[in-house]
Amino acid sequence: MFGNNTPKPPAPTADSQGPVGAVEAMGFPSPARDYYTGGIDLNRLLIHDRTSTFLMRVSGHSMAASGIAHGDEVIVDRALTPKDGSVVIAVLDGELVIRRLVAHHGTMVLCSDEQAPEHAGVITEETSIWGVVTRCLHHV
């Protein structure tokens, strides 16, 4: 698909905006380009509370319909209060699992994308919500 004639991306130069070289595109330059002041801080963009936030790798396909695939990393905030519809990390039978928290007939249940709420696990005293998923990071 890519031959030896594929151009290499330009190397960063002293006058480059940001951590990578500039690439010309059709259209007009962004007015915001003049206000760029530094590198990209993913902690600032993705994490609200560093002391309660963790990165976890997903294993399995139970949440694939929600866009969370095997091998993805999820950002989990333990300080957030889960609510109906939240994707959470829960402790079920001593294992950490990723599920959606759903209100069903006056009770809260944990559903995978493969389960209907009426077939999902009801939250009991032994079940604990470990944290709320705030972002999913995919490989492309």
C-alpha atoms as a PDB file:
ATOM      1  CA  MET A   1       0.000   0.000   0.000  1.00  0.00           C
ATOM      2  CA  PHE A   2       2.787   2.431   0.871  1.00  0.00           C
ATOM      3  CA  GLY A   3       5.742   2.391  -1.459  1.00  0.00           C
ATOM      4  CA  ASN A   4       9.211   3.749  -1.056  1.00  0.00           C
ATOM      5  CA  ASN A   5       7.994   7.088  -2.466  1.00  0.00           C
ATOM      6  CA  THR A   6       5.896   7.829   0.637  1.00  0.00           C
ATOM      7  CA  PRO A   7       7.045  11.191   2.014  1.00  0.00           C
ATOM      8  CA  LYS A   8       8.256  11.246   5.589  1.00  0.00           C
ATOM      9  CA  PRO A   9       6.631  13.676   8.018  1.00  0.00           C
ATOM     10  CA  PRO A  10       8.637  16.853   8.558  1.00  0.00           C
ATOM     11  CA  ALA A  11      10.911  16.985  11.559  1.00  0.00           C
ATOM     12  CA  PRO A  12      10.199  19.555  14.272  1.00  0.00           C
ATOM     13  CA  THR A  13      12.070  22.806  13.789  1.00  0.00           C
ATOM     14  CA  ALA A  14      12.837  25.743  16.033  1.00  0.00           C
ATOM     15  CA  ASP A  15       9.786  27.619  14.706  1.00  0.00           C
ATOM     16  CA  SER A  16       7.383  24.616  14.829  1.00  0.00           C
ATOM     17  CA  GLN A  17       4.200  25.078  16.805  1.00  0.00           C
ATOM     18  CA  GLY A  18       4.087  22.348  19.455  1.00  0.00           C
ATOM     19  CA  PRO A  19       5.963  19.077  19.827  1.00  0.00           C
ATOM     20  CA  VAL A  20       5.666  17.972  16.152  1.00  0.00           C
ATOM     21  CA  GLY A  21       6.528  19.431  12.790  1.00  0.00           C
ATOM     22  CA  ALA A  22       4.019  21.449  10.799  1.00  0.00           C
ATOM     23  CA  VAL A  23       1.991  19.849   8.007  1.00  0.00           C
ATOM     24  CA  GLU A  24       0.359  21.967   5.312  1.00  0.00           C
ATOM     25  CA  ALA A  25      -3.366  21.404   4.796  1.00  0.00           C
ATOM     26  CA  MET A  26      -5.964  22.919   2.522  1.00  0.00           C
ATOM     27  CA  GLY A  27      -7.885  25.874   3.912  1.00  0.00           C
ATOM     28  CA  PHE A  28      -6.721  28.682   6.120  1.00  0.00           C
ATOM     29  CA  PRO A  29      -4.584  28.458   9.270  1.00  0.00           C
ATOM     30  CA  SER A  30      -6.316  28.416  12.629  1.00  0.00           C
ATOM     31  CA  PRO A  31      -6.406  31.786  14.417  1.00  0.00           C
ATOM     32  CA  ALA A  32      -5.633  29.896  17.627  1.00  0.00           C
ATOM     33  CA  ARG A  33      -2.184  28.951  16.288  1.00  0.00           C
ATOM     34  CA  ASP A  34      -0.810  32.329  17.392  1.00  0.00           C
ATOM     35  CA  TYR A  35      -1.838  31.593  20.993  1.00  0.00           C
ATOM     36  CA  TYR A  36      -0.176  28.176  21.378  1.00  0.00           C
ATOM     37  CA  THR A  37       2.071  28.276  24.434  1.00  0.00           C
ATOM     38  CA  GLY A  38       3.437  24.785  25.022  1.00  0.00           C
ATOM     39  CA  GLY A  39       3.067  21.024  24.951  1.00  0.00           C
ATOM     40  CA  ILE A  40      -0.051  18.979  25.398  1.00  0.00           C
ATOM     41  CA  ASP A  41      -0.774  18.138  29.038  1.00  0.00           C
ATOM     42  CA  LEU A  42      -2.981  15.019  29.008  1.00  0.00           C
ATOM     43  CA  ASN A  43      -3.229  15.086  32.803  1.00  0.00           C
ATOM     44  CA  ARG A  44      -4.880  18.496  32.619  1.00  0.00           C
ATOM     45  CA  LEU A  45      -7.183  17.467  29.764  1.00  0.00           C
ATOM     46  CA  LEU A  46      -8.278  14.025  30.968  1.00  0.00           C
ATOM     47  CA  ILE A  47      -7.900  13.851  34.749  1.00  0.00           C
ATOM     48  CA  HIS A  48      -9.866  15.874  37.284  1.00  0.00           C
ATOM     49  CA  ASP A  49      -8.392  14.480  40.525  1.00  0.00           C
ATOM     50  CA  ARG A  50      -4.928  12.914  40.211  1.00  0.00           C
ATOM     51  CA  THR A  51      -5.061  11.349  43.679  1.00  0.00           C
ATOM     52  CA  SER A  52      -8.159   9.292  42.898  1.00  0.00           C
ATOM     53  CA  THR A  53      -7.612   8.498  39.201  1.00  0.00           C
ATOM     54  CA  PHE A  54      -6.251   5.257  37.806  1.00  0.00           C
ATOM     55  CA  LEU A  55      -5.580   3.802  34.362  1.00  0.00           C
ATOM     56  CA  MET A  56      -6.790   0.239  33.758  1.00  0.00           C
ATOM     57  CA  ARG A  57      -6.519  -2.067  30.748  1.00  0.00           C
ATOM     58  CA  VAL A  58      -9.736  -3.769  29.600  1.00  0.00           C
ATOM     59  CA  SER A  59      -9.780  -7.517  29.087  1.00  0.00           C
ATOM     60  CA  GLY A  60     -12.693  -9.078  27.226  1.00  0.00           C
ATOM     61  CA  HIS A  61     -15.470  -7.911  24.944  1.00  0.00           C
ATOM     62  CA  SER A  62     -18.416  -7.384  27.311  1.00  0.00           C
ATOM     63  CA  MET A  63     -18.561  -3.600  26.706  1.00  0.00           C
ATOM     64  CA  ALA A  64     -17.728  -3.546  22.978  1.00  0.00           C
ATOM     65  CA  ALA A  65     -21.108  -2.082  21.981  1.00  0.00           C
ATOM     66  CA  SER A  66     -20.275   0.937  24.172  1.00  0.00           C
ATOM     67  CA  GLY A  67     -17.002   1.431  22.304  1.00  0.00           C
ATOM     68  CA  ILE A  68     -14.819  -0.171  24.985  1.00  0.00           C
ATOM     69  CA  ALA A  69     -12.813  -2.967  23.361  1.00  0.00           C
ATOM     70  CA  HIS A  70     -10.390  -5.638  24.543  1.00  0.00           C
ATOM     71  CA  GLY A  71      -6.976  -4.024  25.102  1.00  0.00           C
ATOM     72  CA  ASP A  72      -8.292  -0.467  25.511  1.00  0.00           C
ATOM     73  CA  GLU A  73      -7.231   1.572  28.522  1.00  0.00           C
ATOM     74  CA  VAL A  74      -9.877   3.287  30.622  1.00  0.00           C
ATOM     75  CA  ILE A  75      -9.423   6.214  32.978  1.00  0.00           C
ATOM     76  CA  VAL A  76     -11.189   5.489  36.273  1.00  0.00           C
ATOM     77  CA  ASP A  77     -11.973   8.119  38.925  1.00  0.00           C
ATOM     78  CA  ARG A  78     -12.678   6.678  42.368  1.00  0.00           C
ATOM     79  CA  ALA A  79     -13.870  10.036  43.748  1.00  0.00           C
ATOM     80  CA  LEU A  80     -16.900  10.310  41.442  1.00  0.00           C
ATOM     81  CA  THR A  81     -20.336   9.179  42.557  1.00  0.00           C
ATOM     82  CA  PRO A  82     -21.795   6.654  40.110  1.00  0.00           C
ATOM     83  CA  LYS A  83     -25.249   7.340  38.706  1.00  0.00           C
ATOM     84  CA  ASP A  84     -27.722   5.613  36.429  1.00  0.00           C
ATOM     85  CA  GLY A  85     -25.990   5.006  33.088  1.00  0.00           C
ATOM     86  CA  SER A  86     -22.416   5.333  34.389  1.00  0.00           C
ATOM     87  CA  VAL A  87     -19.817   2.856  33.192  1.00  0.00           C
ATOM     88  CA  VAL A  88     -18.147   1.605  36.360  1.00  0.00           C
ATOM     89  CA  ILE A  89     -15.495  -0.736  37.638  1.00  0.00           C
ATOM     90  CA  ALA A  90     -17.167  -3.040  40.155  1.00  0.00           C
ATOM     91  CA  VAL A  91     -15.979  -5.827  42.424  1.00  0.00           C
ATOM     92  CA  LEU A  92     -18.041  -8.960  41.697  1.00  0.00           C
ATOM     93  CA  ASP A  93     -17.094 -12.245  43.342  1.00  0.00           C
ATOM     94  CA  GLY A  94     -13.683 -10.817  44.214  1.00  0.00           C
ATOM     95  CA  GLU A  95     -12.873  -9.736  40.634  1.00  0.00           C
ATOM     96  CA  LEU A  96     -12.790  -6.287  39.028  1.00  0.00           C
ATOM     97  CA  VAL A  97     -15.240  -6.046  36.124  1.00  0.00           C
ATOM     98  CA  ILE A  98     -16.359  -3.227  33.853  1.00  0.00           C
ATOM     99  CA  ARG A  99     -20.144  -2.791  33.628  1.00  0.00           C
ATOM    100  CA  ARG A 100     -22.847  -0.182  33.120  1.00  0.00           C
ATOM    101  CA  LEU A 101     -24.860   0.822  36.192  1.00  0.00           C
ATOM    102  CA  VAL A 102     -28.574   0.793  35.327  1.00  0.00           C
ATOM    103  CA  ALA A 103     -31.689   1.552  37.369  1.00  0.00           C
ATOM    104  CA  HIS A 104     -34.198  -1.251  36.704  1.00  0.00           C
ATOM    105  CA  HIS A 105     -37.552  -1.519  38.517  1.00  0.00           C
ATOM    106  CA  GLY A 106     -36.356   0.485  41.511  1.00  0.00           C
ATOM    107  CA  THR A 107     -33.071  -1.337  41.986  1.00  0.00           C
ATOM    108  CA  MET A 108     -29.570  -0.785  40.584  1.00  0.00           C
ATOM    109  CA  VAL A 109     -28.075  -3.521  38.411  1.00  0.00           C
ATOM    110  CA  LEU A 110     -24.738  -4.002  36.652  1.00  0.00           C
ATOM    111  CA  CYS A 111     -25.113  -4.810  32.937  1.00  0.00           C
ATOM    112  CA  SER A 112     -22.626  -5.731  30.283  1.00  0.00           C
ATOM    113  CA  ASP A 113     -23.503  -4.714  26.735  1.00  0.00           C
ATOM    114  CA  GLU A 114     -24.463  -8.330  26.121  1.00  0.00           C
ATOM    115  CA  GLN A 115     -27.086  -8.417  28.906  1.00  0.00           C
ATOM    116  CA  ALA A 116     -30.562  -7.008  29.208  1.00  0.00           C
ATOM    117  CA  PRO A 117     -31.185  -5.308  32.582  1.00  0.00           C
ATOM    118  CA  GLU A 118     -33.601  -8.056  33.628  1.00  0.00           C
ATOM    119  CA  HIS A 119     -30.761 -10.599  33.310  1.00  0.00           C
ATOM    120  CA  ALA A 120     -28.077  -8.465  34.949  1.00  0.00           C
ATOM    121  CA  GLY A 121     -26.565  -8.847  38.398  1.00  0.00           C
ATOM    122  CA  VAL A 122     -28.359  -6.971  41.145  1.00  0.00           C
ATOM    123  CA  ILE A 123     -26.089  -4.969  43.404  1.00  0.00           C
ATOM    124  CA  THR A 124     -25.903  -6.564  46.853  1.00  0.00           C
ATOM    125  CA  GLU A 125     -24.033  -5.755  50.048  1.00  0.00           C
ATOM    126  CA  GLU A 126     -21.105  -7.848  48.761  1.00  0.00           C
ATOM    127  CA  THR A 127     -20.910  -5.812  45.545  1.00  0.00           C
ATOM    128  CA  SER A 128     -18.880  -2.633  45.582  1.00  0.00           C
ATOM    129  CA  ILE A 129     -18.373   0.052  42.964  1.00  0.00           C
ATOM    130  CA  TRP A 130     -14.617   0.611  42.737  1.00  0.00           C
ATOM    131  CA  GLY A 131     -14.705   3.665  40.445  1.00  0.00           C
ATOM    132  CA  VAL A 132     -16.385   5.465  37.547  1.00  0.00           C
ATOM    133  CA  VAL A 133     -14.947   5.263  34.037  1.00  0.00           C
ATOM    134  CA  THR A 134     -14.446   8.764  32.622  1.00  0.00           C
ATOM    135  CA  ARG A 135     -12.573   8.061  29.363  1.00  0.00           C
ATOM    136  CA  CYS A 136     -11.623   5.187  27.092  1.00  0.00           C
ATOM    137  CA  LEU A 137      -8.349   5.271  25.166  1.00  0.00           C
ATOM    138  CA  HIS A 138      -8.287   3.255  21.918  1.00  0.00           C
ATOM    139  CA  HIS A 139      -5.401   2.080  19.813  1.00  0.00           C
ATOM    140  CA  VAL A 140      -5.779   3.024  16.154  1.00  0.00           C
END
